[in-house]
Amino acid sequence: MNRIIRRYGTGGEDGAVLVIVILILVAISGIVMGVSSISVNETQLASNEKLDKKVFYLTEGGVEKSLRYLAGLSVPFKGSGNNKDQPVMLYNDEQIYGIGRVTSYLDPLDSNSGETTRFVGVTVRGTLDGSGITKVLRVKVGQQNFSRYSYFSDMEKSTGGTTIWWYDHDELHGPVHTNDQLHIHGNPTFYDEVSSAASTVDYYHGGPPQDDPDFRKGLTLDASVIPLPANTDMLYNAANETGGLQLSGNPVRIEFDFDGSNNRILRVTVSGSTTDMNYPSNGVIYVNGNAEVEGTVRGQVTVGCSGSIRVTDNLVYETDPRTDPTSSDYTGLVAEKDVVVAYNAANMDSGDETIMAAIMALDTSWEAESYSSGSPRGKLIVYGGIIQKQRGPVGTFNSYGIVSGYEKAYTFDERLLDNPPPAFPTTGQVEKVSWTELDPSTDISANFW
């Protein structure tokens, strides 16, 4: 039998072709694997980006929820601890949006020595359900306080329904807001921002050139209505806290004074009986009834009452911020009814009356008592701000000048923009000052100011 033997070469051209084919296959395989790897990575990146956006959305929702809480407070937020400057947990692992949980801490500004403050830090951790992915956001916000206004009104008419006009000689420094329409007669000057909830301005002569107000930083019409507090319950509650002071009488007379060792005191008179008292540690005094105030204030204090407040003589700061900007003296006067300058011998003795305070009359006005009686009393010097439901009169005038009551000399205390008196009411508006994303491992309960 003959055998047929077929030989396959391992060298030569056939071998070279085989090697090339193998190399091409390896290259194609590498490309396929590379493309597959890129596709997997891109898919993973897309998935991670989606989750990152989702957890950011969740955490941002926790921030907005916290801001709504702050906006709902009638008085500025306070922290915890002996000095009221430590963070407070607001939400603990609370489910929102059906996708995850948020924990939120509020942290007050420490420099307020334990009292209310305009600035608050909001720190929120968001954690997605299932994945456990977290994100931490920290936002510094400002609680807008009524003390930020040099002038605020709910209505620009008197209690008798008379329209009250801004005249040529009127000059206002500091923010101005009214929930009503501005009435302009001539050329008053407004040096800071002005806003009105009305859609138009009422001009006595129909407008320029006879009525030509100077709004140095602009006028905003159709602004949001900012409601005044309905009552002084927030101050009543603050006075009932540890460190507050509540007094009863009709009236209760409070003189801010100093003892023989130059220690600040309150000289309180009720029904003819006078007692010296210490300032309340939280700075809040509340009178059930009517109050009378005068004297020299050292430190921070707010007097609230369920009736009216009469200013019976000069009410000033020990350290005058007009000459010493380092002054830390602040006063708030908040009445459920009126705040009035008393028509008495003490207020007539020098011809001028000086009041340093953020003044708030919820129902109804800041005004001078018996403003249309007697001879001119000089200037009514207010260094602070005036917030009232309706504009009240302080004097009468004719084309030659003042006839009775006071000539106005009002100056805004710019410190009140960021430093409200203790427990002075908030407007229910908050503003974001800064926004920062932090490392997820951050201890959000820590005090970071």
Protein backbone atom coordinates (compact mmCIF):
# COMPACT_ATOMS: atom_id res chain seq x y z
CA MET A 1 0.00 0.00 0.00
CA ASN A 2 1.26 3.32 -0.93
CA ARG A 3 0.93 6.06 1.74
CA ILE A 4 0.18 9.61 0.80
CA ILE A 5 1.92 11.98 3.08
CA ARG A 6 0.86 15.73 3.15
CA ARG A 7 3.30 18.08 4.79
CA TYR A 8 2.29 21.52 6.26
CA GLY A 9 5.06 24.06 6.35
CA THR A 10 5.84 25.99 9.53
CA GLY A 11 7.94 28.61 7.89
CA GLY A 12 7.96 30.56 4.71
CA GLU A 13 5.04 32.60 3.40
CA ASP A 14 2.35 30.49 5.01
CA GLY A 15 3.86 31.04 8.47
CA ALA A 16 4.14 34.77 7.96
CA VAL A 17 0.50 35.04 6.93
CA LEU A 18 -0.57 33.12 10.01
CA VAL A 19 1.38 35.42 12.30
CA ILE A 20 -0.14 38.52 10.67
CA VAL A 21 -3.64 37.08 11.00
CA ILE A 22 -3.06 36.35 14.67
CA LEU A 23 -1.75 39.86 15.30
CA ILE A 24 -4.72 41.40 13.54
CA LEU A 25 -7.10 39.29 15.62
CA VAL A 26 -5.31 40.35 18.82
CA ALA A 27 -5.50 44.01 17.79
CA ILE A 28 -9.18 43.76 16.94
CA SER A 29 -9.81 42.03 20.25
CA GLY A 30 -7.99 44.79 22.08
CA ILE A 31 -9.98 47.44 20.29
CA VAL A 32 -13.24 45.65 21.06
CA MET A 33 -12.26 45.30 24.72
CA GLY A 34 -11.19 48.93 24.84
CA VAL A 35 -14.41 50.13 23.30
CA SER A 36 -16.33 47.89 25.68
CA SER A 37 -14.36 49.29 28.64
CA ILE A 38 -14.98 52.89 27.51
CA SER A 39 -18.68 52.14 27.12
CA VAL A 40 -18.80 50.65 30.62
CA ASN A 41 -16.91 53.62 32.06
CA GLU A 42 -19.12 56.13 30.29
CA THR A 43 -22.20 54.31 31.53
CA GLN A 44 -20.77 54.32 35.05
CA LEU A 45 -19.90 58.00 34.81
CA ALA A 46 -23.38 58.81 33.54
CA SER A 47 -24.88 56.81 36.39
CA ASN A 48 -22.64 58.55 38.95
CA GLU A 49 -23.50 61.96 37.54
CA LYS A 50 -27.18 61.14 37.75
CA LEU A 51 -26.83 60.03 41.37
CA ASP A 52 -24.75 63.13 42.19
CA LYS A 53 -27.47 65.39 40.78
CA LYS A 54 -30.09 63.42 42.66
CA VAL A 55 -28.34 63.73 46.04
CA PHE A 56 -27.68 67.43 45.38
CA TYR A 57 -31.39 67.92 44.65
CA LEU A 58 -32.22 66.09 47.88
CA THR A 59 -29.77 68.12 50.00
CA GLU A 60 -30.85 71.38 48.44
CA GLY A 61 -34.41 70.45 49.37
CA GLY A 62 -33.27 70.10 52.98
CA VAL A 63 -31.77 73.59 52.80
CA GLU A 64 -34.98 75.10 51.42
CA LYS A 65 -37.03 73.30 54.07
CA SER A 66 -34.75 74.82 56.75
CA LEU A 67 -35.06 78.28 55.22
CA ARG A 68 -38.84 78.04 55.29
CA TYR A 69 -38.60 77.27 59.00
CA LEU A 70 -36.48 80.39 59.58
CA ALA A 71 -38.86 82.51 57.52
CA GLY A 72 -41.75 81.36 59.70
CA LEU A 73 -40.18 82.65 62.92
CA SER A 74 -41.56 85.88 64.31
CA VAL A 75 -38.30 86.71 66.07
CA PRO A 76 -34.69 85.92 65.08
CA PHE A 77 -33.38 82.42 65.68
CA LYS A 78 -31.40 81.65 68.84
CA GLY A 79 -29.08 78.71 69.41
CA SER A 80 -28.73 76.38 72.38
CA GLY A 81 -26.51 76.15 75.44
CA ASN A 82 -25.77 78.69 78.15
CA ASN A 83 -24.84 81.40 75.66
CA LYS A 84 -27.46 80.48 73.06
CA ASP A 85 -24.70 80.33 70.47
CA GLN A 86 -24.49 76.58 69.84
CA PRO A 87 -26.01 74.80 66.81
CA VAL A 88 -29.48 73.32 67.06
CA MET A 89 -30.64 70.20 65.22
CA LEU A 90 -33.69 71.10 63.17
CA TYR A 91 -34.34 67.88 61.21
CA ASN A 92 -32.96 64.47 62.08
CA ASP A 93 -32.80 61.91 59.27
CA GLU A 94 -36.09 63.19 57.90
CA GLN A 95 -37.48 61.62 54.71
CA ILE A 96 -38.22 64.07 51.88
CA TYR A 97 -39.13 63.74 48.20
CA GLY A 98 -39.39 59.95 48.64
CA ILE A 99 -35.74 59.53 47.59
CA GLY A 100 -33.71 60.06 50.73
CA ARG A 101 -33.23 61.59 54.15
CA VAL A 102 -31.87 64.93 55.40
CA THR A 103 -30.37 66.09 58.67
CA SER A 104 -30.20 69.84 59.29
CA TYR A 105 -28.44 72.04 61.87
CA LEU A 106 -28.92 75.76 62.47
CA ASP A 107 -25.93 77.67 63.82
CA PRO A 108 -26.24 81.29 65.08
CA LEU A 109 -23.55 83.94 64.84
CA ASP A 110 -21.46 83.70 68.01
CA SER A 111 -20.62 87.39 68.35
CA ASN A 112 -24.15 88.22 69.47
CA SER A 113 -23.30 87.18 73.05
CA GLY A 114 -26.16 84.73 73.23
CA GLU A 115 -28.91 86.99 71.97
CA THR A 116 -30.83 86.99 68.73
CA THR A 117 -28.87 87.50 65.54
CA ARG A 118 -29.58 88.28 61.92
CA PHE A 119 -27.14 85.73 60.50
CA VAL A 120 -27.58 81.96 60.72
CA GLY A 121 -25.61 79.09 59.22
CA VAL A 122 -27.72 76.25 57.77
CA THR A 123 -25.82 72.96 57.34
CA VAL A 124 -27.60 70.01 55.73
CA ARG A 125 -26.56 66.44 55.00
CA GLY A 126 -28.57 64.56 52.38
CA THR A 127 -28.38 60.75 52.02
CA LEU A 128 -29.94 58.85 49.10
CA ASP A 129 -31.97 55.80 49.94
CA GLY A 130 -30.39 52.54 48.81
CA SER A 131 -27.06 53.91 47.57
CA GLY A 132 -26.01 55.63 50.82
CA ILE A 133 -24.46 58.45 48.75
CA THR A 134 -24.28 61.68 50.77
CA LYS A 135 -23.70 65.37 50.19
CA VAL A 136 -23.25 68.26 52.63
CA LEU A 137 -24.25 71.85 51.88
CA ARG A 138 -23.71 74.87 54.12
CA VAL A 139 -25.55 78.12 53.53
CA LYS A 140 -25.11 81.39 55.40
CA VAL A 141 -28.40 83.26 55.47
CA GLY A 142 -29.58 86.61 56.76
CA GLN A 143 -32.91 86.83 58.54
CA GLN A 144 -34.40 90.13 57.47
CA ASN A 145 -35.50 92.12 60.47
CA PHE A 146 -37.89 95.06 60.65
CA SER A 147 -35.03 97.01 62.21
CA ARG A 148 -33.41 97.16 58.74
CA TYR A 149 -35.88 99.89 57.72
CA SER A 150 -35.32 103.54 58.38
CA TYR A 151 -39.01 103.92 57.59
CA PHE A 152 -41.78 101.32 57.15
CA SER A 153 -45.54 101.72 56.96
CA ASP A 154 -48.53 99.54 56.27
CA MET A 155 -50.70 102.51 55.29
CA GLU A 156 -49.68 106.00 54.12
CA LYS A 157 -52.71 107.72 55.62
CA SER A 158 -53.44 109.00 59.10
CA THR A 159 -55.86 107.26 61.43
CA GLY A 160 -58.44 109.81 60.33
CA GLY A 161 -57.99 108.83 56.69
CA THR A 162 -56.00 111.92 55.69
CA THR A 163 -53.35 111.41 53.01
CA ILE A 164 -49.85 112.15 54.33
CA TRP A 165 -47.34 113.54 51.81
CA TRP A 166 -43.58 113.40 51.47
CA TYR A 167 -42.49 117.03 51.03
CA ASP A 168 -39.54 119.00 49.64
CA HIS A 169 -37.70 119.19 52.94
CA ASP A 170 -37.97 115.45 53.69
CA GLU A 171 -34.71 113.48 53.47
CA LEU A 172 -34.59 109.78 54.31
CA HIS A 173 -31.41 107.79 54.80
CA GLY A 174 -31.73 104.01 54.92
CA PRO A 175 -34.17 101.49 53.35
CA VAL A 176 -37.82 102.53 52.99
CA HIS A 177 -40.84 100.29 52.38
CA THR A 178 -44.58 100.80 52.40
CA ASN A 179 -47.35 98.31 51.74
CA ASP A 180 -49.32 101.30 50.47
CA GLN A 181 -48.87 103.99 47.81
CA LEU A 182 -46.25 106.73 48.13
CA HIS A 183 -47.67 110.28 48.10
CA ILE A 184 -45.17 112.83 46.76
CA HIS A 185 -45.47 116.61 47.06
CA GLY A 186 -42.45 118.37 45.60
CA ASN A 187 -38.91 117.02 45.66
CA PRO A 188 -38.13 114.81 48.69
CA THR A 189 -34.86 112.87 48.65
CA PHE A 190 -34.56 109.14 49.42
CA TYR A 191 -30.92 108.14 49.76
CA ASP A 192 -31.36 104.36 49.92
CA GLU A 193 -33.58 101.67 48.38
CA VAL A 194 -37.31 102.41 48.30
CA SER A 195 -40.10 99.89 47.65
CA SER A 196 -43.87 100.14 47.48
CA ALA A 197 -46.49 97.42 47.09
CA ALA A 198 -48.53 99.81 44.91
CA SER A 199 -48.12 99.89 41.14
CA THR A 200 -47.98 103.70 40.89
CA VAL A 201 -46.90 106.81 42.81
CA ASP A 202 -49.43 109.46 43.79
CA TYR A 203 -48.08 112.91 42.76
CA TYR A 204 -49.73 116.00 44.23
CA HIS A 205 -49.18 118.09 41.06
CA GLY A 206 -49.33 115.16 38.65
CA GLY A 207 -45.61 114.47 38.53
CA PRO A 208 -42.45 116.19 37.24
CA PRO A 209 -41.33 118.90 37.10
CA GLN A 210 -43.26 120.10 40.17
CA ASP A 211 -43.20 116.68 41.83
CA ASP A 212 -39.76 115.23 41.19
CA PRO A 213 -38.53 112.95 44.01
CA ASP A 214 -34.90 111.89 44.02
CA PHE A 215 -34.67 108.12 44.51
CA ARG A 216 -30.88 107.80 44.77
CA LYS A 217 -30.90 103.97 44.73
CA GLY A 218 -34.08 103.47 42.77
CA LEU A 219 -37.75 102.77 43.42
CA THR A 220 -39.35 99.32 43.23
CA LEU A 221 -43.10 99.27 42.59
CA ASP A 222 -45.37 96.22 42.90
CA ALA A 223 -43.12 94.96 45.67
CA SER A 224 -44.27 92.13 47.91
CA VAL A 225 -46.46 93.05 50.85
CA ILE A 226 -44.61 92.57 54.14
CA PRO A 227 -47.19 92.03 56.90
CA LEU A 228 -46.61 93.50 60.32
CA PRO A 229 -46.86 91.13 63.32
CA ALA A 230 -50.42 90.87 64.57
CA ASN A 231 -49.41 91.41 68.19
CA THR A 232 -46.47 91.48 70.63
CA ASP A 233 -46.81 87.85 71.73
CA MET A 234 -43.26 87.11 70.53
CA LEU A 235 -41.87 89.63 73.00
CA TYR A 236 -44.18 88.44 75.75
CA ASN A 237 -42.81 84.93 75.24
CA ALA A 238 -39.21 86.15 75.19
CA ALA A 239 -39.76 88.04 78.44
CA ASN A 240 -41.16 84.87 80.01
CA GLU A 241 -38.03 82.91 79.15
CA THR A 242 -35.22 82.51 81.65
CA GLY A 243 -33.37 85.81 81.66
CA GLY A 244 -36.35 87.93 80.61
CA LEU A 245 -38.29 90.50 82.62
CA GLN A 246 -42.08 90.89 82.73
CA LEU A 247 -43.77 93.81 84.49
CA SER A 248 -47.39 94.77 85.04
CA GLY A 249 -49.01 98.14 85.64
CA ASN A 250 -50.75 100.97 83.89
CA PRO A 251 -48.43 102.61 83.32
CA VAL A 252 -45.05 101.11 84.21
CA ARG A 253 -42.37 103.79 84.18
CA ILE A 254 -38.87 102.63 83.21
CA GLU A 255 -35.86 104.91 83.53
CA PHE A 256 -32.54 103.60 82.23
CA ASP A 257 -30.00 104.86 84.72
CA PHE A 258 -26.79 104.06 86.68
CA ASP A 259 -26.13 103.46 90.37
CA GLY A 260 -23.37 105.02 92.49
CA SER A 261 -20.85 102.47 91.17
CA ASN A 262 -21.76 103.27 87.55
CA ASN A 263 -23.55 99.96 87.14
CA ARG A 264 -26.47 100.10 84.75
CA ILE A 265 -29.89 99.76 86.38
CA LEU A 266 -33.57 100.01 85.60
CA ARG A 267 -35.44 102.44 87.83
CA VAL A 268 -38.96 101.02 87.66
CA THR A 269 -41.97 102.89 89.03
CA VAL A 270 -45.42 101.32 89.40
CA SER A 271 -48.28 103.06 91.22
CA GLY A 272 -45.88 105.58 92.79
CA SER A 273 -43.50 102.94 94.16
CA THR A 274 -39.97 102.90 92.67
CA THR A 275 -37.63 99.87 92.61
CA ASP A 276 -34.15 99.53 91.14
CA MET A 277 -33.71 96.40 89.01
CA ASN A 278 -31.03 94.79 86.89
CA TYR A 279 -31.29 94.61 83.12
CA PRO A 280 -32.72 91.24 82.03
CA SER A 281 -29.93 88.98 80.79
CA ASN A 282 -31.71 88.24 77.50
CA GLY A 283 -32.37 91.95 76.96
CA VAL A 284 -36.18 91.71 76.78
CA ILE A 285 -38.58 93.70 79.00
CA TYR A 286 -42.32 93.26 78.55
CA VAL A 287 -44.99 95.42 80.16
CA ASN A 288 -48.54 94.15 80.55
CA GLY A 289 -50.22 97.52 80.09
CA ASN A 290 -48.80 100.88 79.05
CA ALA A 291 -45.13 101.79 79.43
CA GLU A 292 -43.18 105.02 79.87
CA VAL A 293 -39.48 105.14 79.02
CA GLU A 294 -36.55 107.55 79.20
CA GLY A 295 -32.90 107.65 80.19
CA THR A 296 -29.50 106.43 79.04
CA VAL A 297 -29.11 102.87 77.76
CA ARG A 298 -25.95 100.82 78.09
CA GLY A 299 -26.00 97.52 76.18
CA GLN A 300 -28.87 95.93 74.28
CA VAL A 301 -32.49 96.05 75.37
CA THR A 302 -35.98 95.89 73.87
CA VAL A 303 -39.11 97.13 75.62
CA GLY A 304 -42.38 95.61 74.44
CA CYS A 305 -45.85 96.22 75.77
CA SER A 306 -49.48 95.24 75.27
CA GLY A 307 -50.55 98.90 75.24
CA SER A 308 -48.77 102.09 74.19
CA ILE A 309 -45.28 103.37 74.92
CA ARG A 310 -44.75 107.02 75.88
CA VAL A 311 -41.25 108.49 75.63
CA THR A 312 -41.25 110.91 78.55
CA ASP A 313 -37.79 112.44 78.03
CA ASN A 314 -34.62 111.87 76.02
CA LEU A 315 -33.82 108.20 75.38
CA VAL A 316 -30.17 107.94 74.34
CA TYR A 317 -27.18 105.59 74.29
CA GLU A 318 -24.31 105.85 76.76
CA THR A 319 -21.90 105.51 73.82
CA ASP A 320 -23.21 107.65 70.99
CA PRO A 321 -22.73 105.73 67.69
CA ARG A 322 -22.85 108.99 65.76
CA THR A 323 -19.45 109.90 67.21
CA ASP A 324 -18.18 106.44 68.21
CA PRO A 325 -19.02 103.71 65.64
CA THR A 326 -17.79 101.02 68.04
CA SER A 327 -20.87 101.57 70.22
CA SER A 328 -22.69 98.33 71.08
CA ASP A 329 -25.74 100.04 72.60
CA TYR A 330 -29.09 99.20 70.96
CA THR A 331 -32.70 99.86 71.96
CA GLY A 332 -35.96 98.54 70.58
CA LEU A 333 -39.42 99.90 71.40
CA VAL A 334 -42.32 97.68 70.28
CA ALA A 335 -45.88 98.62 71.23
CA GLU A 336 -49.03 96.73 70.40
CA LYS A 337 -50.68 100.15 70.08
CA ASP A 338 -48.88 103.51 69.64
CA VAL A 339 -45.43 104.88 70.42
CA VAL A 340 -45.72 108.57 71.29
CA VAL A 341 -43.52 111.45 72.38
CA ALA A 342 -45.12 112.74 75.57
CA TYR A 343 -46.36 116.32 75.76
CA ASN A 344 -44.87 117.22 79.13
CA ALA A 345 -42.49 119.66 80.79
CA ALA A 346 -39.47 117.37 80.36
CA ASN A 347 -39.93 117.29 76.61
CA MET A 348 -40.29 121.05 76.42
CA ASP A 349 -37.27 122.06 78.50
CA SER A 350 -34.54 122.12 75.82
CA GLY A 351 -36.56 122.63 72.66
CA ASP A 352 -35.20 119.42 71.10
CA GLU A 353 -35.94 115.79 71.93
CA THR A 354 -33.54 112.94 71.11
CA ILE A 355 -34.64 109.32 70.82
CA MET A 356 -32.22 106.55 69.86
CA ALA A 357 -34.14 103.37 69.07
CA ALA A 358 -35.74 101.09 66.53
CA ILE A 359 -39.38 102.11 67.02
CA MET A 360 -42.31 99.86 66.14
CA ALA A 361 -46.03 100.72 66.54
CA LEU A 362 -48.25 97.81 65.52
CA ASP A 363 -51.59 99.58 66.00
CA THR A 364 -51.22 102.31 65.08
CA SER A 365 -48.61 105.08 64.86
CA TRP A 366 -45.43 106.83 65.89
CA GLU A 367 -46.54 110.38 66.75
CA ALA A 368 -46.17 113.35 69.04
CA GLU A 369 -48.74 113.74 71.77
CA SER A 370 -50.93 116.85 71.27
CA TYR A 371 -48.89 117.65 68.15
CA SER A 372 -51.29 120.44 67.11
CA SER A 373 -51.23 122.22 70.48
CA GLY A 374 -48.99 124.95 71.83
CA SER A 375 -45.91 126.56 70.37
CA PRO A 376 -43.21 124.85 68.28
CA ARG A 377 -41.18 122.43 70.39
CA GLY A 378 -37.99 122.33 68.35
CA LYS A 379 -36.56 119.31 66.58
CA LEU A 380 -37.57 115.70 67.13
CA ILE A 381 -34.26 113.90 66.64
CA VAL A 382 -34.66 110.18 65.97
CA TYR A 383 -31.55 108.09 65.48
CA GLY A 384 -32.75 104.59 64.57
CA GLY A 385 -35.77 103.58 62.52
CA ILE A 386 -39.57 103.94 62.50
CA ILE A 387 -41.93 101.05 61.71
CA GLN A 388 -45.66 101.73 61.99
CA LYS A 389 -49.02 100.58 60.76
CA GLN A 390 -50.14 104.08 59.79
CA ARG A 391 -48.19 107.31 59.55
CA GLY A 392 -48.66 109.52 62.57
CA PRO A 393 -48.16 113.30 62.80
CA VAL A 394 -45.50 114.98 64.94
CA GLY A 395 -46.31 118.62 64.13
CA THR A 396 -48.15 121.10 61.95
CA PHE A 397 -46.62 123.33 59.31
CA ASN A 398 -47.40 126.15 56.93
CA SER A 399 -45.45 127.80 54.14
CA TYR A 400 -43.34 129.66 56.72
CA GLY A 401 -42.34 126.59 58.71
CA ILE A 402 -43.36 124.76 61.88
CA VAL A 403 -46.51 125.96 63.66
CA SER A 404 -46.83 123.42 66.47
CA GLY A 405 -45.20 120.21 67.58
CA TYR A 406 -41.82 119.15 66.24
CA GLU A 407 -39.69 119.59 63.17
CA LYS A 408 -38.46 116.16 62.06
CA ALA A 409 -34.74 115.33 62.13
CA TYR A 410 -34.61 111.58 61.47
CA THR A 411 -31.38 109.66 60.81
CA PHE A 412 -31.11 105.94 60.20
CA ASP A 413 -28.82 103.93 62.49
CA GLU A 414 -27.07 101.77 59.88
CA ARG A 415 -25.94 99.31 62.55
CA LEU A 416 -29.56 98.09 62.68
CA LEU A 417 -29.21 96.52 59.22
CA ASP A 418 -27.28 93.60 60.73
CA ASN A 419 -27.72 94.06 64.48
CA PRO A 420 -31.37 94.14 65.57
CA PRO A 421 -32.21 94.83 69.22
CA PRO A 422 -33.00 91.70 71.26
CA ALA A 423 -36.02 89.73 69.94
CA PHE A 424 -36.97 92.54 67.55
CA PRO A 425 -39.52 91.08 65.10
CA THR A 426 -38.45 89.59 61.77
CA THR A 427 -40.11 90.25 58.40
CA GLY A 428 -40.46 86.57 57.46
CA GLN A 429 -37.92 86.95 54.65
CA VAL A 430 -34.48 85.37 54.46
CA GLU A 431 -31.65 86.03 52.03
CA LYS A 432 -28.83 83.69 51.03
CA VAL A 433 -25.46 85.31 51.69
CA SER A 434 -23.12 82.46 50.71
CA TRP A 435 -23.33 78.82 49.60
CA THR A 436 -20.64 76.14 50.04
CA GLU A 437 -20.41 72.40 49.36
CA LEU A 438 -18.43 70.55 52.03
CA ASP A 439 -16.70 67.20 52.30
CA PRO A 440 -19.34 64.52 53.05
CA SER A 441 -17.41 63.50 56.16
CA THR A 442 -17.95 66.96 57.74
CA ASP A 443 -19.41 67.00 61.26
CA ILE A 444 -22.45 69.15 60.58
CA SER A 445 -23.24 69.55 64.28
CA ALA A 446 -20.02 71.53 64.81
CA ASN A 447 -20.07 75.26 65.52
CA PHE A 448 -18.25 76.82 62.55
CA TRP A 449 -18.52 80.54 63.18
